[in-house]
Amino acid sequence: MNVYAIASFVTAEPAFSKEDVKPGWVALGIVAALCVATYFLARSFLKHSKKAQQPWEGEER
């Protein structure tokens, strides 16, 4: 029974064609927002890691 379902799935036409799927401004905005958020998180991490009481493993003071 499952063999017939897989065979019909493989031979079926795809749901989207290459003309239907295009990159858009919304996706660009999401990627830009993620980059900005990553920048601020990294900056905060560096600021807090400088205040650490104990040195990191392998770090000399």
C-alpha atoms as a PDB file:
ATOM      1  CA  MET A   1       0.000   0.000   0.000  1.00  0.00           C
ATOM      2  CA  ASN A   2       2.787   2.454   0.879  1.00  0.00           C
ATOM      3  CA  VAL A   3       4.621   1.726  -2.369  1.00  0.00           C
ATOM      4  CA  TYR A   4       1.669   3.075  -4.358  1.00  0.00           C
ATOM      5  CA  ALA A   5       1.524   6.221  -2.238  1.00  0.00           C
ATOM      6  CA  ILE A   6       5.241   6.873  -2.734  1.00  0.00           C
ATOM      7  CA  ALA A   7       5.007   6.200  -6.475  1.00  0.00           C
ATOM      8  CA  SER A   8       2.101   8.618  -6.869  1.00  0.00           C
ATOM      9  CA  PHE A   9       3.950  11.243  -4.835  1.00  0.00           C
ATOM     10  CA  VAL A  10       7.078  10.966  -6.990  1.00  0.00           C
ATOM     11  CA  THR A  11       5.144  11.229 -10.260  1.00  0.00           C
ATOM     12  CA  ALA A  12       2.914  14.102  -9.118  1.00  0.00           C
ATOM     13  CA  GLU A  13       3.577  17.604 -10.369  1.00  0.00           C
ATOM     14  CA  PRO A  14       5.311  19.954  -7.914  1.00  0.00           C
ATOM     15  CA  ALA A  15       3.092  22.356  -6.000  1.00  0.00           C
ATOM     16  CA  PHE A  16       5.162  25.400  -6.995  1.00  0.00           C
ATOM     17  CA  SER A  17       7.006  26.288 -10.144  1.00  0.00           C
ATOM     18  CA  LYS A  18      10.154  28.409 -10.285  1.00  0.00           C
ATOM     19  CA  GLU A  19       8.082  31.361 -11.498  1.00  0.00           C
ATOM     20  CA  ASP A  20       5.873  31.246  -8.379  1.00  0.00           C
ATOM     21  CA  VAL A  21       8.651  31.386  -5.795  1.00  0.00           C
ATOM     22  CA  LYS A  22      10.651  34.616  -5.719  1.00  0.00           C
ATOM     23  CA  PRO A  23      12.720  36.327  -3.033  1.00  0.00           C
ATOM     24  CA  GLY A  24      10.957  39.350  -1.655  1.00  0.00           C
ATOM     25  CA  TRP A  25      11.425  42.420   0.454  1.00  0.00           C
ATOM     26  CA  VAL A  26       9.889  40.741   3.491  1.00  0.00           C
ATOM     27  CA  ALA A  27      12.562  38.039   3.485  1.00  0.00           C
ATOM     28  CA  LEU A  28      15.273  40.671   3.109  1.00  0.00           C
ATOM     29  CA  GLY A  29      13.817  42.569   6.064  1.00  0.00           C
ATOM     30  CA  ILE A  30      13.779  39.452   8.217  1.00  0.00           C
ATOM     31  CA  VAL A  31      17.407  38.651   7.387  1.00  0.00           C
ATOM     32  CA  ALA A  32      18.442  42.256   8.086  1.00  0.00           C
ATOM     33  CA  ALA A  33      16.608  42.213  11.444  1.00  0.00           C
ATOM     34  CA  LEU A  34      18.320  38.949  12.396  1.00  0.00           C
ATOM     35  CA  CYS A  35      21.718  40.460  11.533  1.00  0.00           C
ATOM     36  CA  VAL A  36      21.026  43.535  13.680  1.00  0.00           C
ATOM     37  CA  ALA A  37      19.831  41.375  16.587  1.00  0.00           C
ATOM     38  CA  THR A  38      22.937  39.191  16.317  1.00  0.00           C
ATOM     39  CA  TYR A  39      25.160  42.276  16.396  1.00  0.00           C
ATOM     40  CA  PHE A  40      23.547  43.586  19.583  1.00  0.00           C
ATOM     41  CA  LEU A  41      23.633  40.155  21.252  1.00  0.00           C
ATOM     42  CA  ALA A  42      27.336  39.745  20.434  1.00  0.00           C
ATOM     43  CA  ARG A  43      28.092  43.250  21.717  1.00  0.00           C
ATOM     44  CA  SER A  44      26.240  42.534  24.947  1.00  0.00           C
ATOM     45  CA  PHE A  45      28.048  39.210  25.354  1.00  0.00           C
ATOM     46  CA  LEU A  46      31.438  40.857  24.932  1.00  0.00           C
ATOM     47  CA  LYS A  47      30.553  43.605  27.404  1.00  0.00           C
ATOM     48  CA  HIS A  48      29.404  41.105  30.028  1.00  0.00           C
ATOM     49  CA  SER A  49      32.314  38.730  29.449  1.00  0.00           C
ATOM     50  CA  LYS A  50      34.771  41.547  30.212  1.00  0.00           C
ATOM     51  CA  LYS A  51      33.120  41.905  33.628  1.00  0.00           C
ATOM     52  CA  ALA A  52      33.567  38.214  34.461  1.00  0.00           C
ATOM     53  CA  GLN A  53      35.252  37.572  37.802  1.00  0.00           C
ATOM     54  CA  GLN A  54      37.021  34.369  36.778  1.00  0.00           C
ATOM     55  CA  PRO A  55      39.100  34.082  33.616  1.00  0.00           C
ATOM     56  CA  TRP A  56      37.967  31.791  30.833  1.00  0.00           C
ATOM     57  CA  GLU A  57      39.651  28.415  30.520  1.00  0.00           C
ATOM     58  CA  GLY A  58      43.040  28.942  28.846  1.00  0.00           C
ATOM     59  CA  GLU A  59      43.005  32.720  29.405  1.00  0.00           C
ATOM     60  CA  GLU A  60      45.786  34.361  31.431  1.00  0.00           C
ATOM     61  CA  ARG A  61      45.303  37.347  33.714  1.00  0.00           C
END
